[in-house]
């Protein structure tokens, strides 16, 4: 066991050495008394491991997805849905995009699906209450029908970027959010994902997807 007075490249002063020695002898019995049996020691170690793991998961959940990652994930989702929509039932094809712990939820974002043929939200892993809602009537906090604007991607082979204002989890006021949307093959589905951001412009984001 060491203390601040014992660190450094130079030999500590005599009084610092004495303080460290006294601290070691004072704390060691206390640690032994608190830990007690090997079973208690093992339980403490397991508890610390669980705490560290939980903290790591929390930190990972707070990681912010980059625009590049969003583009990559949306393209992957579009390929998967384009294929499954032609080989599976509608429910089976959309089911993975409704899973809150599935592959389409990562870092601080997720993939959602809009069925532009029926003008409804087809899949949403975070807000299931939005599923089957009329996309034309859903407005952001500034009154823009952004979900319906997603369907403009049907006309753009490289997809589109759009901005809207949506409340962050636990908040009521809307914050600027940017999303990338892409048509899933030749289907009526458009998949999208986004992050909260108040700096990047749509012109800057379009450079990432131009020619894709």
N, C-alpha and C. Protein backbone atom coordinates (compact mmCIF):
# COMPACT_ATOMS: atom_id res chain seq x y z
N UNK A 1 0.85 -1.20 0.00
CA UNK A 1 0.00 0.00 0.00
C UNK A 1 0.88 1.24 0.00
N UNK A 2 0.42 2.22 -0.81
CA UNK A 2 1.21 3.44 -0.93
C UNK A 2 0.32 4.63 -0.70
N UNK A 3 0.89 5.75 -0.40
CA UNK A 3 0.14 6.99 -0.28
C UNK A 3 0.88 8.06 -1.06
N UNK A 4 0.25 9.25 -1.13
CA UNK A 4 0.82 10.31 -1.97
C UNK A 4 2.23 10.67 -1.56
N UNK A 5 2.50 10.62 -0.27
CA UNK A 5 3.83 11.01 0.20
C UNK A 5 4.91 10.04 -0.20
N UNK A 6 4.51 8.80 -0.64
CA UNK A 6 5.51 7.80 -0.98
C UNK A 6 5.83 7.80 -2.47
N UNK A 7 5.09 8.58 -3.28
CA UNK A 7 5.31 8.56 -4.72
C UNK A 7 6.42 9.53 -5.12
N UNK A 8 6.90 9.38 -6.38
CA UNK A 8 7.92 10.29 -6.90
C UNK A 8 9.25 9.61 -7.03
N UNK A 9 10.17 10.26 -7.70
CA UNK A 9 11.50 9.68 -7.92
C UNK A 9 12.45 10.00 -6.78
N UNK A 10 12.19 11.08 -6.03
CA UNK A 10 13.07 11.43 -4.93
C UNK A 10 12.64 10.71 -3.66
N UNK A 11 13.57 10.33 -2.79
CA UNK A 11 13.21 9.66 -1.54
C UNK A 11 12.31 10.58 -0.72
N UNK A 12 11.22 10.05 -0.15
CA UNK A 12 10.33 10.88 0.64
C UNK A 12 11.00 11.32 1.93
N UNK A 13 10.53 12.39 2.47
CA UNK A 13 11.07 12.85 3.74
C UNK A 13 10.76 11.85 4.83
N UNK A 14 11.51 11.94 5.90
CA UNK A 14 11.36 10.98 7.00
C UNK A 14 9.96 10.99 7.57
N UNK A 15 9.38 12.22 7.75
CA UNK A 15 8.05 12.28 8.33
C UNK A 15 7.02 11.69 7.38
N UNK A 16 7.23 11.81 6.03
CA UNK A 16 6.32 11.21 5.07
C UNK A 16 6.39 9.70 5.15
N UNK A 17 7.61 9.17 5.30
CA UNK A 17 7.77 7.73 5.43
C UNK A 17 7.04 7.22 6.67
N UNK A 18 7.15 7.96 7.72
CA UNK A 18 6.49 7.54 8.96
C UNK A 18 4.97 7.56 8.79
N UNK A 19 4.48 8.61 8.11
CA UNK A 19 3.04 8.69 7.90
C UNK A 19 2.55 7.52 7.06
N UNK A 20 3.30 7.17 6.00
CA UNK A 20 2.92 6.06 5.14
C UNK A 20 2.90 4.76 5.92
N UNK A 21 3.94 4.56 6.72
CA UNK A 21 4.03 3.34 7.52
C UNK A 21 2.85 3.24 8.47
N UNK A 22 2.55 4.38 9.14
CA UNK A 22 1.43 4.36 10.08
C UNK A 22 0.13 4.08 9.35
N UNK A 23 -0.02 4.64 8.16
CA UNK A 23 -1.25 4.44 7.39
C UNK A 23 -1.40 2.99 6.98
N UNK A 24 -0.30 2.37 6.56
CA UNK A 24 -0.34 0.98 6.15
C UNK A 24 -0.77 0.08 7.31
N UNK A 25 -0.18 0.29 8.45
CA UNK A 25 -0.52 -0.55 9.59
C UNK A 25 -1.92 -0.26 10.11
N UNK A 26 -2.39 0.96 9.89
CA UNK A 26 -3.72 1.31 10.38
C UNK A 26 -4.81 0.77 9.48
N UNK A 27 -4.57 0.79 8.16
CA UNK A 27 -5.59 0.39 7.22
C UNK A 27 -5.64 -1.11 7.00
N UNK A 28 -4.50 -1.76 7.00
CA UNK A 28 -4.46 -3.19 6.72
C UNK A 28 -5.39 -4.00 7.61
N UNK A 29 -5.38 -3.84 8.95
CA UNK A 29 -6.30 -4.60 9.79
C UNK A 29 -7.74 -4.27 9.46
N UNK A 30 -8.00 -3.01 9.12
CA UNK A 30 -9.38 -2.60 8.81
C UNK A 30 -9.87 -3.32 7.56
N UNK A 31 -9.01 -3.40 6.52
CA UNK A 31 -9.38 -4.09 5.29
C UNK A 31 -9.64 -5.55 5.57
N UNK A 32 -8.78 -6.17 6.36
CA UNK A 32 -8.95 -7.59 6.66
C UNK A 32 -10.23 -7.82 7.43
N UNK A 33 -10.50 -6.91 8.39
CA UNK A 33 -11.71 -7.03 9.20
C UNK A 33 -12.95 -6.88 8.34
N UNK A 34 -12.92 -5.95 7.39
CA UNK A 34 -14.09 -5.71 6.56
C UNK A 34 -14.30 -6.85 5.56
N UNK A 35 -13.21 -7.35 4.98
CA UNK A 35 -13.35 -8.42 4.02
C UNK A 35 -13.67 -9.74 4.70
N UNK A 36 -13.01 -9.99 5.81
CA UNK A 36 -13.30 -11.20 6.57
C UNK A 36 -12.91 -12.45 5.82
N UNK A 37 -13.87 -13.36 5.67
CA UNK A 37 -13.62 -14.67 5.09
C UNK A 37 -13.33 -14.57 3.60
N UNK A 38 -12.70 -15.62 3.06
CA UNK A 38 -12.47 -15.65 1.61
C UNK A 38 -13.76 -15.50 0.81
N UNK A 39 -14.87 -16.02 1.36
CA UNK A 39 -16.14 -15.91 0.66
C UNK A 39 -16.54 -14.45 0.51
N UNK A 40 -16.31 -13.66 1.60
CA UNK A 40 -16.64 -12.24 1.53
C UNK A 40 -15.72 -11.52 0.56
N UNK A 41 -14.47 -11.94 0.55
CA UNK A 41 -13.52 -11.34 -0.38
C UNK A 41 -13.96 -11.60 -1.82
N UNK A 42 -14.36 -12.85 -2.09
CA UNK A 42 -14.81 -13.20 -3.44
C UNK A 42 -16.04 -12.41 -3.82
N UNK A 43 -16.97 -12.26 -2.86
CA UNK A 43 -18.20 -11.51 -3.13
C UNK A 43 -17.88 -10.06 -3.46
N UNK A 44 -16.90 -9.48 -2.73
CA UNK A 44 -16.53 -8.10 -2.99
C UNK A 44 -15.92 -7.95 -4.37
N UNK A 45 -15.07 -8.90 -4.74
CA UNK A 45 -14.44 -8.86 -6.06
C UNK A 45 -15.48 -8.95 -7.16
N UNK A 46 -16.46 -9.85 -6.97
CA UNK A 46 -17.52 -9.99 -7.95
C UNK A 46 -18.36 -8.72 -8.05
N UNK A 47 -18.59 -8.10 -6.89
CA UNK A 47 -19.37 -6.86 -6.86
C UNK A 47 -18.66 -5.75 -7.61
N UNK A 48 -17.34 -5.64 -7.40
CA UNK A 48 -16.55 -4.62 -8.10
C UNK A 48 -16.55 -4.89 -9.59
N UNK A 49 -16.42 -6.17 -9.98
CA UNK A 49 -16.43 -6.53 -11.39
C UNK A 49 -17.75 -6.15 -12.04
N UNK A 50 -18.85 -6.41 -11.33
CA UNK A 50 -20.17 -6.07 -11.87
C UNK A 50 -20.32 -4.56 -12.02
N UNK A 51 -19.79 -3.81 -11.03
CA UNK A 51 -19.87 -2.36 -11.09
C UNK A 51 -19.09 -1.83 -12.28
N UNK A 52 -17.89 -2.36 -12.49
CA UNK A 52 -17.06 -1.93 -13.62
C UNK A 52 -17.75 -2.25 -14.93
N UNK A 53 -18.32 -3.46 -15.02
CA UNK A 53 -19.01 -3.86 -16.25
C UNK A 53 -20.20 -2.96 -16.52
N UNK A 54 -20.94 -2.66 -15.47
CA UNK A 54 -22.11 -1.79 -15.62
C UNK A 54 -21.71 -0.40 -16.07
N UNK A 55 -20.62 0.10 -15.51
CA UNK A 55 -20.13 1.43 -15.89
C UNK A 55 -19.69 1.43 -17.34
N UNK A 56 -19.04 0.35 -17.76
CA UNK A 56 -18.59 0.26 -19.15
C UNK A 56 -19.77 0.25 -20.11
N UNK A 57 -20.83 -0.49 -19.73
CA UNK A 57 -22.01 -0.53 -20.59
C UNK A 57 -22.66 0.83 -20.67
N UNK A 58 -22.71 1.54 -19.54
CA UNK A 58 -23.31 2.86 -19.52
C UNK A 58 -22.51 3.81 -20.40
N UNK A 59 -21.17 3.73 -20.29
CA UNK A 59 -20.32 4.61 -21.09
C UNK A 59 -20.50 4.32 -22.57
N UNK A 60 -20.59 3.01 -22.89
CA UNK A 60 -20.76 2.64 -24.29
C UNK A 60 -22.08 3.17 -24.84
N UNK A 61 -23.12 3.13 -23.96
CA UNK A 61 -24.43 3.59 -24.40
C UNK A 61 -24.42 5.09 -24.68
N UNK A 62 -23.48 5.80 -24.09
CA UNK A 62 -23.42 7.23 -24.27
C UNK A 62 -22.58 7.64 -25.48
N UNK A 63 -21.90 6.67 -26.12
CA UNK A 63 -21.10 6.99 -27.29
C UNK A 63 -22.00 7.55 -28.39
N UNK A 64 -21.51 8.53 -29.08
CA UNK A 64 -22.29 9.16 -30.14
C UNK A 64 -21.90 8.58 -31.49
N UNK A 65 -22.89 8.13 -32.23
CA UNK A 65 -22.65 7.62 -33.57
C UNK A 65 -22.25 8.76 -34.49
N UNK A 66 -21.32 8.51 -35.38
CA UNK A 66 -20.88 9.53 -36.33
C UNK A 66 -21.75 9.47 -37.58
N UNK A 67 -21.79 10.55 -38.36
CA UNK A 67 -22.54 10.53 -39.62
C UNK A 67 -22.09 9.41 -40.54
N UNK A 68 -20.78 9.13 -40.56
CA UNK A 68 -20.26 8.05 -41.40
C UNK A 68 -20.82 6.70 -40.96
N UNK A 69 -20.91 6.50 -39.66
CA UNK A 69 -21.46 5.24 -39.15
C UNK A 69 -22.94 5.12 -39.48
N UNK A 70 -23.64 6.23 -39.42
CA UNK A 70 -25.07 6.23 -39.74
C UNK A 70 -25.28 5.84 -41.19
N UNK A 71 -24.50 6.42 -42.09
CA UNK A 71 -24.62 6.10 -43.52
C UNK A 71 -24.37 4.61 -43.74
N UNK A 72 -23.32 4.09 -43.12
CA UNK A 72 -22.98 2.68 -43.28
C UNK A 72 -24.09 1.78 -42.75
N UNK A 73 -24.62 2.11 -41.58
CA UNK A 73 -25.66 1.29 -40.96
C UNK A 73 -26.95 1.35 -41.76
N UNK A 74 -27.30 2.51 -42.26
CA UNK A 74 -28.53 2.65 -43.04
C UNK A 74 -28.43 1.88 -44.35
N UNK A 75 -27.27 1.92 -45.00
CA UNK A 75 -27.09 1.16 -46.23
C UNK A 75 -27.20 -0.34 -45.95
N UNK A 76 -26.63 -0.77 -44.84
CA UNK A 76 -26.72 -2.19 -44.47
C UNK A 76 -28.18 -2.57 -44.21
N UNK A 77 -28.89 -1.73 -43.48
CA UNK A 77 -30.30 -2.00 -43.18
C UNK A 77 -31.14 -2.05 -44.44
N UNK A 78 -30.87 -1.15 -45.37
CA UNK A 78 -31.61 -1.11 -46.63
C UNK A 78 -31.41 -2.40 -47.42
N UNK A 79 -30.16 -2.90 -47.44
CA UNK A 79 -29.88 -4.15 -48.16
C UNK A 79 -30.62 -5.33 -47.51
N UNK A 80 -30.57 -5.37 -46.19
CA UNK A 80 -31.21 -6.48 -45.47
C UNK A 80 -32.73 -6.45 -45.67
N UNK A 81 -33.32 -5.29 -45.54
CA UNK A 81 -34.78 -5.19 -45.67
C UNK A 81 -35.22 -5.43 -47.12
N UNK A 82 -34.45 -4.95 -48.06
CA UNK A 82 -34.79 -5.17 -49.47
C UNK A 82 -34.86 -6.66 -49.78
N UNK A 83 -33.96 -7.42 -49.20
CA UNK A 83 -33.93 -8.87 -49.43
C UNK A 83 -35.04 -9.57 -48.67
N UNK A 84 -35.17 -9.27 -47.37
CA UNK A 84 -36.17 -9.97 -46.54
C UNK A 84 -37.59 -9.62 -46.95
N UNK A 85 -37.80 -8.43 -47.50
CA UNK A 85 -39.15 -8.03 -47.90
C UNK A 85 -39.66 -8.86 -49.07
N UNK A 86 -38.74 -9.45 -49.83
CA UNK A 86 -39.15 -10.26 -50.99
C UNK A 86 -39.17 -11.75 -50.67
N UNK A 87 -38.62 -12.15 -49.53
CA UNK A 87 -38.55 -13.58 -49.19
C UNK A 87 -39.34 -13.93 -47.94
N UNK A 88 -39.77 -12.93 -47.17
CA UNK A 88 -40.49 -13.18 -45.93
C UNK A 88 -41.80 -12.40 -45.90
N UNK A 89 -42.62 -12.73 -44.91
CA UNK A 89 -43.84 -11.97 -44.73
C UNK A 89 -43.49 -10.57 -44.25
N UNK A 90 -44.42 -9.65 -44.37
CA UNK A 90 -44.18 -8.28 -43.94
C UNK A 90 -43.77 -8.24 -42.46
N UNK A 91 -44.50 -8.96 -41.64
CA UNK A 91 -44.23 -8.96 -40.20
C UNK A 91 -42.83 -9.50 -39.90
N UNK A 92 -42.46 -10.57 -40.58
CA UNK A 92 -41.14 -11.18 -40.34
C UNK A 92 -40.01 -10.27 -40.81
N UNK A 93 -40.22 -9.60 -41.92
CA UNK A 93 -39.18 -8.72 -42.47
C UNK A 93 -38.94 -7.51 -41.57
N UNK A 94 -40.02 -7.00 -40.97
CA UNK A 94 -39.91 -5.80 -40.15
C UNK A 94 -39.56 -6.09 -38.70
N UNK A 95 -39.81 -7.29 -38.23
CA UNK A 95 -39.61 -7.63 -36.82
C UNK A 95 -38.23 -7.25 -36.27
N UNK A 96 -37.14 -7.53 -36.97
CA UNK A 96 -35.81 -7.18 -36.42
C UNK A 96 -35.64 -5.68 -36.17
N UNK A 97 -36.36 -4.87 -36.90
CA UNK A 97 -36.23 -3.42 -36.75
C UNK A 97 -37.07 -2.86 -35.60
N UNK A 98 -37.82 -3.74 -34.96
CA UNK A 98 -38.59 -3.35 -33.78
C UNK A 98 -37.92 -3.77 -32.48
N UNK A 99 -36.81 -4.50 -32.58
CA UNK A 99 -36.13 -5.02 -31.39
C UNK A 99 -35.25 -3.95 -30.75
N UNK A 100 -35.56 -3.64 -29.51
CA UNK A 100 -34.82 -2.59 -28.81
C UNK A 100 -33.37 -3.00 -28.54
N UNK A 101 -33.12 -4.30 -28.42
CA UNK A 101 -31.76 -4.78 -28.17
C UNK A 101 -31.19 -5.48 -29.39
N UNK A 102 -31.79 -5.23 -30.54
CA UNK A 102 -31.33 -5.87 -31.77
C UNK A 102 -30.16 -5.16 -32.42
N UNK A 103 -29.75 -5.64 -33.57
CA UNK A 103 -28.57 -5.10 -34.26
C UNK A 103 -28.78 -3.70 -34.84
N UNK A 104 -30.03 -3.25 -34.91
CA UNK A 104 -30.29 -1.95 -35.50
C UNK A 104 -30.38 -0.84 -34.48
N UNK A 105 -30.02 -1.16 -33.25
CA UNK A 105 -29.92 -0.15 -32.19
C UNK A 105 -28.47 -0.17 -31.72
N UNK A 106 -27.77 0.94 -31.84
CA UNK A 106 -26.37 0.97 -31.44
C UNK A 106 -26.01 2.37 -30.96
N UNK A 107 -25.02 2.42 -30.09
CA UNK A 107 -24.57 3.67 -29.51
C UNK A 107 -25.77 4.51 -29.07
N UNK A 108 -25.91 5.73 -29.62
CA UNK A 108 -27.03 6.58 -29.20
C UNK A 108 -28.07 6.76 -30.30
N UNK A 109 -28.16 5.77 -31.18
CA UNK A 109 -29.13 5.90 -32.28
C UNK A 109 -29.72 4.56 -32.67
N UNK A 110 -30.53 4.55 -33.72
CA UNK A 110 -31.25 3.34 -34.13
C UNK A 110 -31.78 3.55 -35.55
N UNK A 111 -32.14 2.44 -36.18
CA UNK A 111 -32.73 2.48 -37.52
C UNK A 111 -34.25 2.40 -37.38
N UNK A 112 -34.95 3.26 -38.08
CA UNK A 112 -36.41 3.19 -38.13
C UNK A 112 -36.83 2.95 -39.58
N UNK A 113 -38.06 2.52 -39.77
CA UNK A 113 -38.54 2.20 -41.12
C UNK A 113 -39.87 2.90 -41.37
N UNK A 114 -39.99 3.54 -42.53
CA UNK A 114 -41.24 4.16 -42.96
C UNK A 114 -41.74 3.45 -44.21
N UNK A 115 -43.00 3.06 -44.20
CA UNK A 115 -43.61 2.46 -45.39
C UNK A 115 -44.27 3.60 -46.16
N UNK A 116 -43.61 4.06 -47.18
CA UNK A 116 -44.11 5.22 -47.92
C UNK A 116 -45.30 4.87 -48.81
N UNK A 117 -45.48 3.57 -49.09
CA UNK A 117 -46.63 3.15 -49.86
C UNK A 117 -47.92 3.31 -49.07
N UNK A 118 -47.83 3.03 -47.76
CA UNK A 118 -49.00 3.15 -46.89
C UNK A 118 -48.95 4.43 -46.04
N UNK A 119 -47.86 5.16 -46.16
CA UNK A 119 -47.67 6.41 -45.41
C UNK A 119 -47.76 6.19 -43.90
N UNK A 120 -47.09 5.14 -43.43
CA UNK A 120 -47.09 4.85 -41.99
C UNK A 120 -45.67 4.55 -41.50
N UNK A 121 -45.49 4.68 -40.19
CA UNK A 121 -44.23 4.24 -39.57
C UNK A 121 -44.31 2.73 -39.48
N UNK A 122 -43.45 2.04 -40.18
CA UNK A 122 -43.52 0.57 -40.25
C UNK A 122 -42.77 -0.12 -39.12
N UNK A 123 -41.69 0.49 -38.63
CA UNK A 123 -40.91 -0.12 -37.55
C UNK A 123 -40.16 0.96 -36.79
N UNK A 124 -40.13 0.79 -35.47
CA UNK A 124 -39.41 1.75 -34.62
C UNK A 124 -39.04 1.04 -33.32
N UNK A 125 -37.74 0.81 -33.09
CA UNK A 125 -37.31 0.03 -31.93
C UNK A 125 -37.35 0.77 -30.59
N UNK A 126 -37.39 2.08 -30.62
CA UNK A 126 -37.34 2.86 -29.38
C UNK A 126 -38.71 3.37 -28.96
N UNK A 127 -39.52 3.78 -29.93
CA UNK A 127 -40.86 4.28 -29.62
C UNK A 127 -41.90 3.41 -30.34
N UNK A 128 -42.21 2.24 -29.78
CA UNK A 128 -43.16 1.34 -30.45
C UNK A 128 -44.55 1.94 -30.63
N UNK A 129 -44.88 2.97 -29.82
CA UNK A 129 -46.19 3.60 -29.97
C UNK A 129 -46.33 4.34 -31.30
N UNK A 130 -45.20 4.56 -31.99
CA UNK A 130 -45.26 5.24 -33.29
C UNK A 130 -45.58 4.29 -34.44
N UNK A 131 -45.41 3.00 -34.20
CA UNK A 131 -45.63 2.01 -35.26
C UNK A 131 -47.07 2.07 -35.76
N UNK A 132 -47.21 2.08 -37.08
CA UNK A 132 -48.50 2.14 -37.78
C UNK A 132 -49.17 3.52 -37.69
N UNK A 133 -48.46 4.49 -37.15
CA UNK A 133 -49.00 5.84 -37.11
C UNK A 133 -48.90 6.48 -38.51
N UNK A 134 -49.83 7.36 -38.80
CA UNK A 134 -49.84 8.08 -40.07
C UNK A 134 -48.62 9.01 -40.15
N UNK A 135 -47.72 8.71 -41.06
CA UNK A 135 -46.48 9.48 -41.17
C UNK A 135 -46.74 10.92 -41.60
N UNK A 136 -47.85 11.16 -42.27
CA UNK A 136 -48.13 12.51 -42.75
C UNK A 136 -48.62 13.43 -41.63
N UNK A 137 -49.08 12.84 -40.53
CA UNK A 137 -49.62 13.66 -39.45
C UNK A 137 -48.66 13.83 -38.27
N UNK A 138 -47.53 13.13 -38.31
CA UNK A 138 -46.55 13.24 -37.23
C UNK A 138 -45.65 14.45 -37.46
N UNK A 139 -45.66 15.37 -36.53
CA UNK A 139 -44.90 16.61 -36.68
C UNK A 139 -43.80 16.69 -35.64
N UNK A 140 -42.71 17.41 -35.98
CA UNK A 140 -41.69 17.66 -34.97
C UNK A 140 -42.15 18.82 -34.10
N UNK A 141 -41.32 19.25 -33.16
CA UNK A 141 -41.73 20.27 -32.21
C UNK A 141 -41.88 21.65 -32.85
N UNK A 142 -41.45 21.77 -34.12
CA UNK A 142 -41.64 23.04 -34.83
C UNK A 142 -42.74 22.94 -35.90
N UNK A 143 -43.47 21.82 -35.87
CA UNK A 143 -44.60 21.67 -36.77
C UNK A 143 -44.29 21.13 -38.14
N UNK A 144 -43.08 20.54 -38.34
CA UNK A 144 -42.71 20.00 -39.65
C UNK A 144 -43.04 18.51 -39.74
N UNK A 145 -43.65 18.06 -40.83
CA UNK A 145 -43.97 16.63 -41.00
C UNK A 145 -42.75 15.85 -41.46
N UNK A 146 -41.76 15.75 -40.59
CA UNK A 146 -40.47 15.20 -41.00
C UNK A 146 -40.52 13.73 -41.38
N UNK A 147 -41.40 12.95 -40.74
CA UNK A 147 -41.46 11.53 -41.09
C UNK A 147 -41.90 11.35 -42.55
N UNK A 148 -42.81 12.19 -42.99
CA UNK A 148 -43.27 12.09 -44.37
C UNK A 148 -42.18 12.60 -45.33
N UNK A 149 -41.39 13.55 -44.87
CA UNK A 149 -40.30 14.06 -45.70
C UNK A 149 -39.26 12.97 -45.97
N UNK A 150 -39.20 11.99 -45.08
CA UNK A 150 -38.29 10.86 -45.27
C UNK A 150 -38.55 10.18 -46.60
N UNK A 151 -39.79 10.18 -47.02
CA UNK A 151 -40.17 9.48 -48.26
C UNK A 151 -39.62 10.14 -49.51
N UNK A 152 -39.05 11.31 -49.39
CA UNK A 152 -38.38 11.92 -50.54
C UNK A 152 -37.21 11.06 -50.99
N UNK A 153 -36.76 10.16 -50.11
CA UNK A 153 -35.65 9.28 -50.45
C UNK A 153 -36.03 8.30 -51.56
N UNK A 154 -37.33 8.11 -51.79
CA UNK A 154 -37.77 7.23 -52.88
C UNK A 154 -37.27 7.73 -54.23
N UNK A 155 -37.06 9.03 -54.33
CA UNK A 155 -36.66 9.65 -55.60
C UNK A 155 -35.16 9.88 -55.68
N UNK A 156 -34.45 9.57 -54.59
CA UNK A 156 -33.00 9.86 -54.55
C UNK A 156 -32.22 8.56 -54.31
N UNK A 157 -31.61 8.00 -55.34
CA UNK A 157 -30.88 6.74 -55.19
C UNK A 157 -29.80 6.77 -54.11
N UNK A 158 -29.22 7.95 -53.89
CA UNK A 158 -28.15 8.05 -52.89
C UNK A 158 -28.68 8.39 -51.50
N UNK A 159 -30.00 8.51 -51.38
CA UNK A 159 -30.59 8.83 -50.09
C UNK A 159 -30.64 10.32 -49.83
N UNK A 160 -31.20 10.70 -48.70
CA UNK A 160 -31.31 12.12 -48.35
C UNK A 160 -30.93 12.34 -46.89
N UNK A 161 -30.51 13.56 -46.61
CA UNK A 161 -30.30 14.02 -45.24
C UNK A 161 -31.40 15.04 -44.94
N UNK A 162 -31.92 15.00 -43.75
CA UNK A 162 -32.91 15.99 -43.34
C UNK A 162 -32.70 16.35 -41.88
N UNK A 163 -33.19 17.51 -41.52
CA UNK A 163 -33.09 17.97 -40.13
C UNK A 163 -34.49 18.23 -39.58
N UNK A 164 -34.64 18.01 -38.30
CA UNK A 164 -35.90 18.28 -37.63
C UNK A 164 -35.63 18.46 -36.15
N UNK A 165 -36.65 18.85 -35.41
CA UNK A 165 -36.47 19.11 -33.99
C UNK A 165 -37.32 18.12 -33.19
N UNK A 166 -36.61 17.35 -32.37
CA UNK A 166 -37.26 16.25 -31.64
C UNK A 166 -36.73 16.22 -30.20
N UNK A 167 -37.59 15.96 -29.21
CA UNK A 167 -37.12 15.96 -27.81
C UNK A 167 -36.12 14.84 -27.54
N UNK A 168 -35.08 15.14 -26.82
CA UNK A 168 -34.16 14.12 -26.38
C UNK A 168 -34.84 13.30 -25.27
N UNK A 169 -34.38 12.08 -25.03
CA UNK A 169 -35.00 11.26 -23.99
C UNK A 169 -35.06 12.02 -22.65
N UNK A 170 -36.24 12.07 -22.07
CA UNK A 170 -36.42 12.73 -20.80
C UNK A 170 -36.66 14.22 -20.88
N UNK A 171 -36.66 14.77 -22.10
CA UNK A 171 -36.87 16.21 -22.28
C UNK A 171 -38.17 16.48 -23.05
N UNK A 172 -38.68 17.68 -22.90
CA UNK A 172 -39.90 18.08 -23.59
C UNK A 172 -39.62 19.00 -24.77
N UNK A 173 -38.58 19.81 -24.64
CA UNK A 173 -38.22 20.74 -25.72
C UNK A 173 -37.50 19.99 -26.83
N UNK A 174 -37.74 20.40 -28.06
CA UNK A 174 -37.09 19.76 -29.19
C UNK A 174 -35.66 20.23 -29.39
N UNK A 175 -34.80 19.31 -29.80
CA UNK A 175 -33.42 19.63 -30.15
C UNK A 175 -33.19 19.22 -31.61
N UNK A 176 -32.27 19.91 -32.27
CA UNK A 176 -32.03 19.62 -33.69
C UNK A 176 -31.47 18.21 -33.86
N UNK A 177 -32.09 17.49 -34.76
CA UNK A 177 -31.66 16.13 -35.07
C UNK A 177 -31.47 16.01 -36.57
N UNK A 178 -30.41 15.32 -36.97
CA UNK A 178 -30.15 15.09 -38.39
C UNK A 178 -30.29 13.60 -38.67
N UNK A 179 -30.95 13.26 -39.77
CA UNK A 179 -31.14 11.85 -40.12
C UNK A 179 -30.83 11.62 -41.58
N UNK A 180 -30.34 10.41 -41.83
CA UNK A 180 -30.07 9.98 -43.20
C UNK A 180 -31.09 8.91 -43.54
N UNK A 181 -31.74 9.02 -44.70
CA UNK A 181 -32.77 8.07 -45.11
C UNK A 181 -32.47 7.53 -46.49
N UNK A 182 -32.77 6.23 -46.69
CA UNK A 182 -32.44 5.55 -47.95
C UNK A 182 -33.51 4.52 -48.28
N UNK A 183 -33.87 4.44 -49.53
CA UNK A 183 -34.87 3.46 -49.96
C UNK A 183 -34.29 2.05 -49.88
N UNK A 184 -35.11 1.11 -49.44
CA UNK A 184 -34.69 -0.30 -49.35
C UNK A 184 -34.97 -0.99 -50.68
N UNK A 185 -33.99 -0.99 -51.55
CA UNK A 185 -34.14 -1.63 -52.85
C UNK A 185 -35.25 -1.00 -53.67
N UNK A 186 -36.11 -1.87 -54.23
CA UNK A 186 -37.24 -1.39 -55.03
C UNK A 186 -38.55 -1.43 -54.24
N UNK A 187 -38.44 -1.56 -52.93
CA UNK A 187 -39.64 -1.62 -52.10
C UNK A 187 -40.16 -0.22 -51.81
N UNK A 188 -41.26 -0.16 -51.10
CA UNK A 188 -41.81 1.14 -50.68
C UNK A 188 -41.27 1.56 -49.33
N UNK A 189 -40.34 0.76 -48.79
CA UNK A 189 -39.77 1.06 -47.48
C UNK A 189 -38.59 2.02 -47.60
N UNK A 190 -38.52 2.92 -46.65
CA UNK A 190 -37.35 3.80 -46.50
C UNK A 190 -36.84 3.62 -45.08
N UNK A 191 -35.54 3.35 -44.96
CA UNK A 191 -34.94 3.19 -43.64
C UNK A 191 -34.13 4.45 -43.32
N UNK A 192 -34.05 4.78 -42.05
CA UNK A 192 -33.31 5.98 -41.66
C UNK A 192 -32.74 5.85 -40.27
N UNK A 193 -31.81 6.74 -39.95
CA UNK A 193 -31.20 6.81 -38.62
C UNK A 193 -30.62 8.20 -38.46
N UNK A 194 -30.53 8.67 -37.24
CA UNK A 194 -30.00 10.02 -37.03
C UNK A 194 -29.44 10.23 -35.63
N UNK A 195 -28.87 11.42 -35.43
CA UNK A 195 -28.33 11.80 -34.14
C UNK A 195 -28.64 13.28 -33.89
N UNK A 196 -28.60 13.64 -32.64
CA UNK A 196 -28.78 15.06 -32.29
C UNK A 196 -27.49 15.80 -32.60
N UNK A 197 -27.62 16.91 -33.29
CA UNK A 197 -26.43 17.69 -33.67
C UNK A 197 -26.89 19.11 -34.01
N UNK A 198 -26.16 20.09 -33.52
CA UNK A 198 -26.52 21.48 -33.80
C UNK A 198 -25.45 22.23 -34.58
N UNK A 199 -24.53 21.48 -35.22
CA UNK A 199 -23.43 22.13 -35.92
C UNK A 199 -23.35 21.75 -37.40
N UNK A 200 -23.46 20.46 -37.71
CA UNK A 200 -23.28 20.02 -39.09
C UNK A 200 -24.42 20.53 -39.98
N UNK A 201 -24.06 21.01 -41.16
CA UNK A 201 -25.07 21.48 -42.10
C UNK A 201 -25.47 20.34 -43.04
N UNK A 202 -26.63 20.48 -43.66
CA UNK A 202 -27.08 19.46 -44.61
C UNK A 202 -26.12 19.38 -45.79
N UNK A 203 -25.58 20.52 -46.22
CA UNK A 203 -24.63 20.54 -47.33
C UNK A 203 -23.38 19.72 -47.00
N UNK A 204 -22.90 19.84 -45.77
CA UNK A 204 -21.72 19.07 -45.34
C UNK A 204 -22.03 17.58 -45.31
N UNK A 205 -23.21 17.23 -44.83
CA UNK A 205 -23.59 15.83 -44.73
C UNK A 205 -23.80 15.20 -46.10
N UNK A 206 -24.31 15.96 -47.04
CA UNK A 206 -24.57 15.41 -48.38
C UNK A 206 -23.29 15.03 -49.10
N UNK A 207 -22.17 15.61 -48.70
CA UNK A 207 -20.90 15.26 -49.29
C UNK A 207 -20.52 13.81 -48.98
N UNK A 208 -21.05 13.31 -47.84
CA UNK A 208 -20.74 11.93 -47.42
C UNK A 208 -21.45 10.90 -48.28
N UNK A 209 -22.58 11.29 -48.86
CA UNK A 209 -23.41 10.32 -49.59
C UNK A 209 -23.49 10.60 -51.09
N UNK A 210 -22.87 11.66 -51.52
CA UNK A 210 -22.91 12.01 -52.93
C UNK A 210 -22.23 10.90 -53.77
N UNK A 211 -22.97 10.36 -54.72
CA UNK A 211 -22.41 9.34 -55.59
C UNK A 211 -22.52 7.94 -55.04
N UNK A 212 -23.07 7.76 -53.84
CA UNK A 212 -23.22 6.41 -53.28
C UNK A 212 -24.37 5.68 -53.94
